Protein backbone atom coordinates (compact mmCIF):
# COMPACT_ATOMS: atom_id res chain seq x y z
CA MET A 1 -261.54 -190.93 175.63
CA THR A 2 -264.71 -191.66 177.59
CA THR A 3 -267.68 -189.32 177.39
CA THR A 4 -269.16 -190.27 180.76
CA PRO A 5 -267.95 -187.94 183.51
CA LEU A 6 -268.61 -190.60 186.15
CA GLU A 7 -265.60 -192.71 185.21
CA PRO A 8 -262.87 -190.20 186.24
CA TRP A 9 -264.80 -189.56 189.45
CA ILE A 10 -265.03 -193.27 190.26
CA LYS A 11 -261.33 -193.71 189.45
CA ALA A 12 -260.49 -191.08 192.04
CA ARG A 13 -262.89 -192.63 194.55
CA ILE A 14 -261.28 -196.08 194.37
CA GLY A 15 -257.70 -194.82 194.24
CA ILE A 16 -256.76 -195.22 190.57
CA PRO A 17 -254.19 -192.54 189.51
CA PRO A 18 -255.48 -190.14 186.82
CA GLN A 19 -252.92 -191.32 184.27
CA GLU A 20 -253.93 -194.98 184.63
CA PRO A 21 -257.03 -196.50 182.96
CA LEU A 22 -259.92 -197.81 185.00
CA THR A 23 -260.34 -201.55 184.50
CA ARG A 24 -263.31 -203.71 185.29
CA GLY A 25 -261.06 -205.92 187.38
CA ALA A 26 -259.88 -203.05 189.58
CA LEU A 27 -263.43 -201.80 190.09
CA GLU A 28 -264.78 -205.22 191.00
CA ALA A 29 -261.90 -205.83 193.42
CA TYR A 30 -262.85 -202.58 195.15
CA GLN A 31 -266.52 -203.58 195.19
CA LEU A 32 -265.79 -206.99 196.69
CA SER A 33 -263.65 -205.49 199.44
CA SER A 34 -266.31 -202.85 200.11
CA LEU A 35 -269.08 -205.47 200.20
CA ARG A 36 -267.24 -207.48 202.82
CA SER A 37 -266.76 -204.35 204.90
CA ALA A 38 -270.39 -203.27 204.42
CA VAL A 39 -271.73 -206.65 205.53
CA ALA A 40 -269.45 -206.76 208.57
CA TYR A 41 -270.37 -203.20 209.53
CA ALA A 42 -274.12 -203.74 209.12
CA ARG A 43 -274.03 -206.96 211.14
CA SER A 44 -272.11 -205.36 214.01
CA HIS A 45 -273.93 -201.98 214.13
CA SER A 46 -277.51 -202.53 212.92
CA PRO A 47 -279.90 -204.47 215.18
CA PHE A 48 -281.86 -205.52 212.09
CA TYR A 49 -278.83 -206.95 210.28
CA ALA A 50 -277.31 -208.34 213.47
CA LYS A 51 -280.22 -210.78 213.45
CA ARG A 52 -280.67 -211.10 209.68
CA LEU A 53 -276.97 -211.78 209.00
CA GLN A 54 -276.06 -213.59 212.21
CA ASP A 55 -274.97 -216.70 210.33
CA VAL A 56 -273.08 -214.82 207.60
CA ASP A 57 -269.29 -214.62 207.58
CA GLU A 58 -268.13 -211.84 205.27
CA ALA A 59 -264.84 -213.70 204.83
CA GLY A 60 -266.87 -216.28 202.95
CA LEU A 61 -267.70 -213.74 200.25
CA GLY A 62 -265.03 -214.95 197.88
CA SER A 63 -266.56 -213.27 194.84
CA LEU A 64 -269.26 -210.77 193.97
CA ALA A 65 -271.48 -213.68 192.94
CA ASP A 66 -271.43 -214.96 196.53
CA LEU A 67 -273.55 -211.97 197.56
CA SER A 68 -276.53 -213.88 196.11
CA ARG A 69 -276.41 -216.18 199.15
CA LEU A 70 -277.48 -213.32 201.40
CA PRO A 71 -281.18 -212.58 202.02
CA PHE A 72 -282.97 -209.62 200.47
CA THR A 73 -284.14 -206.51 202.29
CA THR A 74 -287.62 -205.22 201.45
CA ALA A 75 -289.36 -201.86 201.57
CA VAL A 76 -291.90 -203.30 204.02
CA GLU A 77 -289.10 -204.25 206.43
CA LEU A 78 -287.55 -200.81 206.12
CA ARG A 79 -290.89 -199.16 206.81
CA GLU A 80 -291.80 -201.36 209.77
CA GLU A 81 -288.38 -201.65 211.42
CA GLU A 82 -286.82 -198.29 210.55
CA LEU A 83 -284.84 -197.63 213.73
CA ARG A 84 -283.45 -201.18 213.84
CA PHE A 85 -281.64 -200.42 210.56
CA LEU A 86 -279.93 -197.40 212.06
CA CYS A 87 -276.22 -197.86 212.86
CA ILE A 88 -275.47 -194.49 214.45
CA SER A 89 -276.88 -192.26 217.16
CA GLN A 90 -279.59 -189.77 216.26
CA SER A 91 -277.11 -186.94 216.91
CA GLU A 92 -275.00 -188.14 213.97
CA VAL A 93 -277.93 -187.99 211.52
CA ALA A 94 -277.77 -184.93 209.27
CA ARG A 95 -280.97 -185.53 207.28
CA VAL A 96 -284.07 -187.69 207.61
CA VAL A 97 -286.18 -188.12 204.48
CA THR A 98 -289.76 -189.26 204.97
CA LEU A 99 -291.51 -191.12 202.17
CA GLN A 100 -295.26 -191.14 202.68
CA SER A 101 -297.33 -193.41 200.45
CA SER A 102 -300.43 -191.50 199.38
CA GLY A 103 -303.73 -193.35 199.21
CA THR A 104 -302.82 -195.65 202.07
CA THR A 105 -302.65 -195.59 205.86
CA ALA A 106 -299.33 -197.47 205.94
CA SER A 107 -296.58 -196.06 208.11
CA PRO A 108 -294.19 -193.73 206.30
CA LYS A 109 -290.74 -194.90 205.31
CA ARG A 110 -287.85 -192.89 206.76
CA LEU A 111 -284.28 -192.82 205.51
CA HIS A 112 -281.44 -191.47 207.66
CA PHE A 113 -278.29 -189.92 206.17
CA THR A 114 -275.04 -188.62 207.61
CA ALA A 115 -273.38 -185.41 206.41
CA GLN A 116 -270.73 -187.49 204.63
CA GLU A 117 -273.39 -189.44 202.73
CA LEU A 118 -275.08 -186.23 201.59
CA GLU A 119 -271.66 -185.00 200.47
CA LEU A 120 -271.20 -188.10 198.30
CA THR A 121 -274.54 -187.38 196.62
CA VAL A 122 -273.50 -183.77 195.96
CA ASP A 123 -270.32 -185.11 194.39
CA PHE A 124 -272.29 -187.55 192.23
CA PHE A 125 -274.58 -184.74 191.03
CA HIS A 126 -271.54 -182.56 190.30
CA HIS A 127 -269.97 -185.08 187.97
CA GLY A 128 -273.15 -186.57 186.53
CA MET A 129 -274.54 -183.18 185.50
CA SER A 130 -271.35 -182.17 183.72
CA ALA A 131 -272.55 -184.22 180.73
CA LEU A 132 -275.65 -182.01 180.48
CA VAL A 133 -274.48 -178.46 181.04
CA ARG A 134 -271.28 -176.47 180.61
CA PRO A 135 -269.67 -174.09 183.13
CA ARG A 136 -271.49 -170.76 183.42
CA GLY A 137 -274.73 -172.39 182.33
CA ARG A 138 -278.05 -172.20 184.17
CA VAL A 139 -280.19 -175.11 185.34
CA LEU A 140 -283.81 -174.78 186.46
CA VAL A 141 -284.62 -177.47 189.02
CA LEU A 142 -288.29 -178.47 189.02
CA MET A 143 -287.91 -180.64 192.10
CA PRO A 144 -288.30 -180.07 195.85
CA GLY A 145 -285.41 -177.97 197.14
CA ALA A 146 -286.53 -175.79 200.02
CA LEU A 147 -285.11 -178.00 202.79
CA PRO A 148 -281.38 -178.48 203.42
CA GLY A 149 -280.40 -181.91 202.13
CA SER A 150 -283.39 -182.15 199.77
CA VAL A 151 -282.76 -183.32 196.22
CA GLY A 152 -282.95 -179.79 194.81
CA ASP A 153 -280.63 -178.42 197.47
CA LEU A 154 -278.01 -181.13 196.87
CA LEU A 155 -278.27 -180.72 193.11
CA VAL A 156 -277.67 -176.95 193.31
CA LYS A 157 -274.59 -177.58 195.46
CA GLY A 158 -273.27 -180.09 192.96
CA LEU A 159 -273.87 -177.74 190.04
CA LYS A 160 -272.00 -174.94 191.80
CA ARG A 161 -268.87 -177.11 191.82
CA HIS A 162 -269.17 -177.27 188.05
CA GLN A 163 -269.48 -173.48 187.92
CA VAL A 164 -273.13 -173.80 186.94
CA GLU A 165 -275.95 -171.81 188.50
CA GLY A 166 -278.75 -173.99 189.81
CA ILE A 167 -282.12 -172.34 190.43
CA VAL A 168 -284.71 -174.27 192.43
CA HIS A 169 -288.26 -173.63 191.27
CA GLY A 170 -289.85 -176.66 192.91
CA LEU A 171 -292.59 -178.89 191.52
CA VAL A 172 -294.61 -177.34 188.70
CA THR A 173 -297.97 -175.86 189.67
CA ASP A 174 -298.11 -173.06 187.06
CA PRO A 175 -296.59 -174.15 183.72
CA GLY A 176 -296.96 -170.68 182.20
CA ALA A 177 -294.91 -169.10 184.98
CA VAL A 178 -292.20 -171.72 184.57
CA LEU A 179 -291.99 -171.09 180.82
CA GLU A 180 -291.62 -167.36 181.44
CA GLN A 181 -288.84 -168.10 183.90
CA ILE A 182 -287.03 -170.32 181.39
CA ALA A 183 -287.18 -167.54 178.79
CA SER A 184 -286.32 -164.60 181.04
CA LEU A 185 -283.44 -166.32 182.87
CA LYS A 186 -282.07 -167.93 179.69
CA ILE A 187 -282.12 -171.40 181.19
CA ASP A 188 -279.87 -173.98 179.49
CA CYS A 189 -281.11 -177.15 181.20
CA LEU A 190 -284.25 -178.40 182.97
CA VAL A 191 -284.41 -181.08 185.65
CA GLY A 192 -287.87 -182.41 186.44
CA LEU A 193 -290.53 -185.13 186.48
CA PRO A 194 -291.42 -186.51 183.03
CA VAL A 195 -295.13 -185.61 183.04
CA GLN A 196 -294.50 -182.14 184.44
CA VAL A 197 -291.91 -181.32 181.78
CA LEU A 198 -294.29 -182.65 179.10
CA ALA A 199 -296.94 -180.24 180.42
CA LEU A 200 -294.50 -177.39 179.74
CA ALA A 201 -293.90 -178.53 176.17
CA ARG A 202 -297.64 -178.80 175.47
CA HIS A 203 -298.61 -175.51 177.12
CA PRO A 204 -299.78 -172.65 174.84
CA ASP A 205 -296.89 -170.49 176.11
CA ALA A 206 -294.32 -173.08 175.05
CA ARG A 207 -293.70 -170.82 172.06
CA LEU A 208 -291.68 -168.65 174.45
CA ILE A 209 -288.98 -171.33 174.28
CA SER A 210 -287.37 -171.17 170.87
CA ARG A 211 -285.94 -174.37 169.44
CA GLY A 212 -282.35 -174.69 170.62
CA ARG A 213 -282.84 -172.48 173.69
CA LEU A 214 -282.67 -175.50 175.99
CA LYS A 215 -279.53 -177.56 175.53
CA SER A 216 -280.63 -180.49 177.66
CA VAL A 217 -283.36 -181.91 179.88
CA LEU A 218 -282.89 -184.41 182.70
CA LEU A 219 -285.95 -186.50 183.58
CA SER A 220 -286.02 -188.17 186.96
CA ALA A 221 -288.12 -189.65 189.81
CA ASP A 222 -290.58 -191.60 187.64
CA TYR A 223 -290.75 -194.00 184.71
CA VAL A 224 -289.93 -192.09 181.51
CA PRO A 225 -292.17 -193.00 178.55
CA ALA A 226 -290.37 -193.04 175.21
CA ALA A 227 -293.19 -190.91 173.81
CA ILE A 228 -292.28 -188.08 176.19
CA VAL A 229 -288.60 -188.25 175.26
CA ARG A 230 -289.48 -188.08 171.56
CA GLU A 231 -291.75 -185.09 172.00
CA LEU A 232 -289.29 -183.06 174.09
CA THR A 233 -286.51 -183.83 171.64
CA ASP A 234 -288.63 -182.84 168.63
CA ARG A 235 -290.12 -179.68 170.13
CA TRP A 236 -287.05 -178.21 171.78
CA GLY A 237 -284.23 -179.76 169.76
CA CYS A 238 -282.38 -180.75 172.92
CA ALA A 239 -280.84 -183.90 174.37
CA VAL A 240 -283.12 -185.65 176.86
CA PHE A 241 -281.26 -187.54 179.57
CA ASN A 242 -282.57 -190.06 182.09
CA HIS A 243 -281.49 -190.22 185.72
CA TYR A 244 -282.03 -193.33 187.82
CA GLY A 245 -282.27 -192.91 191.54
CA MET A 246 -284.41 -193.32 194.60
CA THR A 247 -284.16 -192.00 198.13
CA GLU A 248 -282.93 -195.36 199.39
CA MET A 249 -279.93 -195.07 197.05
CA GLY A 250 -279.06 -191.69 198.49
CA LEU A 251 -281.11 -189.95 195.74
CA GLY A 252 -278.66 -190.80 192.96
CA GLY A 253 -278.00 -194.17 191.34
CA GLY A 254 -277.02 -193.65 187.71
CA VAL A 255 -277.24 -191.27 184.78
CA GLU A 256 -276.90 -191.46 181.03
CA CYS A 257 -273.88 -190.20 179.14
CA SER A 258 -274.13 -188.16 175.94
CA HIS A 259 -274.95 -191.29 173.93
CA LEU A 260 -278.28 -191.61 175.78
CA CYS A 261 -278.37 -195.39 175.80
CA GLY A 262 -278.58 -196.55 179.40
CA TYR A 263 -277.57 -195.45 182.87
CA HIS A 264 -273.93 -195.50 183.94
CA LEU A 265 -274.06 -196.52 187.56
CA ARG A 266 -272.65 -195.04 190.74
CA GLU A 267 -270.52 -198.12 191.25
CA ALA A 268 -268.20 -196.75 193.93
CA ASP A 269 -271.13 -196.38 196.34
CA LEU A 270 -273.67 -198.98 195.17
CA TYR A 271 -273.50 -202.56 193.95
CA PHE A 272 -276.35 -203.51 191.61
CA GLU A 273 -277.91 -206.86 190.73
CA VAL A 274 -280.85 -207.84 188.52
CA VAL A 275 -282.85 -210.78 189.87
CA ASP A 276 -285.83 -212.86 188.90
CA PRO A 277 -288.76 -211.29 190.80
CA GLU A 278 -290.27 -214.67 191.64
CA SER A 279 -287.30 -216.90 192.49
CA GLY A 280 -284.78 -214.24 193.50
CA ARG A 281 -282.17 -215.85 191.21
CA VAL A 282 -279.53 -213.44 189.89
CA LEU A 283 -280.07 -213.02 186.15
CA PRO A 284 -277.34 -212.80 183.51
CA GLU A 285 -276.78 -209.63 181.54
CA GLY A 286 -279.48 -209.00 178.97
CA GLU A 287 -282.35 -210.56 180.95
CA LEU A 288 -285.12 -208.38 182.38
CA GLY A 289 -285.70 -208.54 186.10
CA GLU A 290 -285.96 -206.60 189.34
CA VAL A 291 -283.19 -204.19 190.27
CA VAL A 292 -281.55 -204.90 193.64
CA PHE A 293 -278.77 -202.83 195.21
CA THR A 294 -276.41 -202.92 198.18
CA THR A 295 -274.86 -199.79 199.67
CA LEU A 296 -271.06 -199.90 199.81
CA THR A 297 -270.25 -196.71 201.71
CA ARG A 298 -273.33 -196.05 203.84
CA ARG A 299 -272.73 -195.79 207.58
CA GLY A 300 -275.96 -194.25 208.85
CA MET A 301 -278.46 -196.74 207.45
CA PRO A 302 -276.81 -199.34 205.19
CA LEU A 303 -278.99 -201.54 203.01
CA ILE A 304 -278.02 -205.06 201.95
CA ARG A 305 -279.66 -206.45 198.78
CA TYR A 306 -282.54 -203.98 198.82
CA ARG A 307 -285.36 -204.81 196.39
CA THR A 308 -286.38 -201.71 194.43
CA GLY A 309 -289.43 -203.05 192.58
CA ASP A 310 -288.01 -201.52 189.37
CA LEU A 311 -287.73 -203.59 186.20
CA ALA A 312 -284.62 -203.29 184.04
CA ARG A 313 -281.72 -205.28 182.59
CA PHE A 314 -277.99 -204.93 182.29
CA LEU A 315 -276.90 -204.23 178.74
CA PRO A 316 -274.16 -206.67 177.70
CA ASP A 317 -272.69 -204.61 174.87
CA PRO A 318 -270.21 -201.82 175.70
CA CYS A 319 -271.45 -198.25 175.60
CA PRO A 320 -270.21 -196.25 172.57
CA CYS A 321 -268.54 -193.88 175.04
CA GLY A 322 -266.04 -196.60 175.90
CA THR A 323 -266.48 -196.70 179.66
CA VAL A 324 -265.96 -199.88 181.67
CA LEU A 325 -268.86 -198.93 183.96
CA ARG A 326 -271.84 -201.27 183.78
CA ARG A 327 -274.79 -200.04 181.79
CA LEU A 328 -278.35 -200.48 183.02
CA GLU A 329 -281.12 -200.12 180.47
CA ARG A 330 -283.71 -197.45 181.19
CA VAL A 331 -286.19 -198.76 183.74
CA SER A 332 -289.12 -200.31 181.88
CA GLY A 333 -291.64 -200.25 184.69
CA ARG A 334 -292.36 -201.35 188.24
CA LEU A 335 -293.58 -204.63 189.64
CA ALA A 336 -296.26 -202.72 191.55
CA GLY A 337 -297.49 -201.24 188.28
CA GLU A 338 -298.52 -204.60 186.83
CA VAL A 339 -301.94 -206.13 187.43
CA ARG A 340 -303.91 -209.10 186.18
CA LEU A 341 -306.91 -208.75 183.86
CA GLY A 342 -309.14 -211.78 184.21
CA ASP A 343 -307.35 -215.13 184.32
CA GLN A 344 -305.13 -214.82 181.27
CA HIS A 345 -303.87 -211.27 180.83
CA ARG A 346 -301.51 -208.86 182.59
CA ILE A 347 -301.11 -205.13 181.98
CA ASN A 348 -298.49 -202.67 183.21
CA ILE A 349 -298.93 -198.94 183.64
CA THR A 350 -296.00 -198.45 181.25
CA GLU A 351 -298.01 -199.98 178.41
CA LEU A 352 -300.71 -197.39 179.02
CA ASP A 353 -298.09 -194.62 179.11
CA GLU A 354 -296.68 -195.60 175.73
CA ALA A 355 -300.16 -195.81 174.21
CA LEU A 356 -301.58 -192.54 175.57
CA PHE A 357 -298.77 -189.99 175.80
CA PRO A 358 -298.31 -189.81 172.00
CA LEU A 359 -301.75 -188.11 171.96
CA SER A 360 -300.75 -184.47 171.53
CA PHE A 361 -303.60 -183.09 173.64
CA LEU A 362 -303.00 -185.33 176.68
CA LEU A 363 -301.21 -183.86 179.70
CA ASP A 364 -301.77 -186.74 182.08
CA TYR A 365 -304.16 -189.51 183.01
CA GLN A 366 -305.18 -191.63 185.96
CA ALA A 367 -306.12 -195.27 185.53
CA VAL A 368 -308.25 -197.10 188.10
CA LEU A 369 -308.93 -200.82 187.84
CA SER A 370 -311.89 -202.26 189.73
CA SER A 371 -313.74 -205.59 189.76
CA SER A 372 -317.41 -206.38 190.07
CA ASP A 373 -319.45 -209.52 189.35
CA GLY A 374 -316.39 -211.33 188.05
CA MET A 375 -315.46 -208.70 185.48
CA ASP A 376 -312.65 -206.15 185.63
CA ARG A 377 -313.36 -202.55 184.67
CA LEU A 378 -310.81 -199.90 183.67
CA ASP A 379 -311.79 -196.26 184.13
CA ILE A 380 -309.59 -193.42 182.91
CA ALA A 381 -309.53 -189.81 184.09
CA ILE A 382 -307.68 -187.48 181.70
CA ALA A 383 -306.12 -184.05 181.92
CA THR A 384 -305.88 -182.32 178.55
CA THR A 385 -304.68 -179.12 176.96
CA ALA A 386 -307.12 -176.24 176.57
CA SER A 387 -307.18 -176.90 172.82
CA ALA A 388 -308.07 -180.57 173.15
CA PRO A 389 -310.47 -181.81 170.44
CA ALA A 390 -314.11 -182.43 171.27
CA ASP A 391 -313.64 -186.15 170.68
CA ALA A 392 -310.63 -186.44 173.02
CA ALA A 393 -312.24 -189.22 175.08
CA HIS A 394 -312.98 -191.20 171.91
CA ARG A 395 -309.36 -190.88 170.77
CA VAL A 396 -308.15 -192.07 174.16
CA ARG A 397 -310.48 -195.07 173.89
CA LEU A 398 -309.11 -195.94 170.44
CA ALA A 399 -305.53 -195.65 171.70
CA LEU A 400 -306.32 -198.00 174.58
CA LEU A 401 -307.98 -200.55 172.31
CA ALA A 402 -304.83 -200.53 170.16
CA VAL A 403 -302.90 -202.01 173.11
CA PRO A 404 -302.88 -205.76 172.28
CA VAL A 405 -303.48 -207.03 175.82
CA LEU A 406 -306.41 -204.64 176.37
CA GLN A 407 -307.88 -205.52 173.00
CA LYS A 408 -307.74 -209.23 173.83
CA ALA A 409 -309.17 -208.74 177.32
CA VAL A 410 -312.11 -206.71 175.98
CA CYS A 411 -312.77 -209.20 173.21
CA ASP A 412 -312.82 -212.24 175.47
CA GLY A 413 -314.95 -210.52 178.12
CA SER A 414 -312.24 -210.25 180.79
CA LEU A 415 -312.36 -206.46 180.81
CA GLN A 416 -314.86 -203.68 180.39
CA LEU A 417 -313.45 -200.34 179.29
CA GLY A 418 -315.36 -197.90 181.47
CA THR A 419 -315.57 -194.12 181.58
CA ILE A 420 -313.00 -191.83 180.00
CA GLU A 421 -313.57 -188.30 181.20
CA PRO A 422 -311.81 -185.26 182.68
CA GLY A 423 -310.64 -185.83 186.24
CA GLU A 424 -309.18 -183.98 189.18
CA PHE A 425 -305.99 -185.49 190.53
CA ALA A 426 -302.89 -184.02 192.15
CA ARG A 427 -300.22 -184.77 189.59
CA THR A 428 -297.91 -182.01 190.81
CA ILE A 429 -296.75 -184.37 193.55
CA SER A 430 -296.89 -187.70 191.74
CA ILE A 431 -293.75 -189.80 191.89
CA LYS A 432 -294.65 -193.48 191.44
CA ARG A 433 -297.78 -194.65 189.67
CA THR A 434 -299.81 -197.85 189.65
CA VAL A 435 -302.77 -198.98 187.60
CA ILE A 436 -304.87 -199.76 190.64
CA ASP A 437 -304.82 -196.64 192.76
CA ARG A 438 -301.73 -194.66 191.68
CA ARG A 439 -300.22 -194.86 195.16
CA LYS A 440 -296.83 -193.19 195.25
CA GLU A 441 -294.17 -192.24 197.72
CA LEU A 442 -293.78 -188.56 198.39
CA PRO A 443 -290.76 -186.99 200.09
CA CYS A 444 -291.74 -184.76 203.00
């Protein structure tokens, strides 16, 4: 018996009777048929794809591997040619999500969804969350949820179908107040951003949450450092799940089962690939590359081979839960989060995360890389607990110098480690982070 609740849901979605097992062959036959339909629909209804796919005959897609012959779609194209992606009239759009990149004057990215597409996301949340919380439980949602169709709103609707009460708090601005709410409302599960949930665990009032009070935590919307997972697990004695999704996917892409070893994917609605970021070649299972997806059921604004910028790999071994669904390893970073140090070294923001978040006094940090007179300089602004030691900056410096690539770059003169001091930065709205300027996309 499988322990991932997505498999029965996907069986129903693709027309497999409950008493029959889901096979990989049946799922891939459905995906191939859906891909052909999606390509034909996008080419005939979207001005962007009418031009981009004008020489493509969906009948020539004889296998899933043939999708690799089609061109990619990029975030820049989506941002600059938004309305040319649209396949329906504005009157048929139920929700428009605006993603504004902070720290830049670039045009915002807008995603358009129909009511049916929002309903599919609610259904995904309903089944995906059933691995985290039992009926009659309570979930505190530390995500935006005030607007109809927002991620918090859709999540609460999905939880209700599982007979679970979802309570939208919104992004964390007062950790103490959130901890009081968890205790007073007897919350069973938290859903939130990794750094914000860590701030709860390291707050002085975290003692209000007895070990075992929380049964589970779901971390979403940002890279999840292993150090944060370890700390939440140790402090609260709960299972810490990862969710993989982005607005372009319809907010939900995959979620871990109770074995906590990779995302099970929303394969009835999305087809995933992992490609070499440089050549675009589709990589075999087990090799790290950029995640690319194609929407299978989207009618408002379909996306064909959309490049996410996320780095991950398909896991070749079967999940212990026994599902036939593909398993994507937890995202290990973003292409935009990697920068060059001098001529020989490269560093990713995830390497800094894994080095710094084990420091028990650190709540968050901001890394800014600059260059002057041929030398790179890395400055760090830190946010710490009230009980941080007097030598906190020194400890951060030591942790950074323990990162092999930084140590080498400092030793060979490629990098100067600059100031490490308290800083003011709006982490309550941070979604994606980069070493250079921490630009991120914020849903409005």
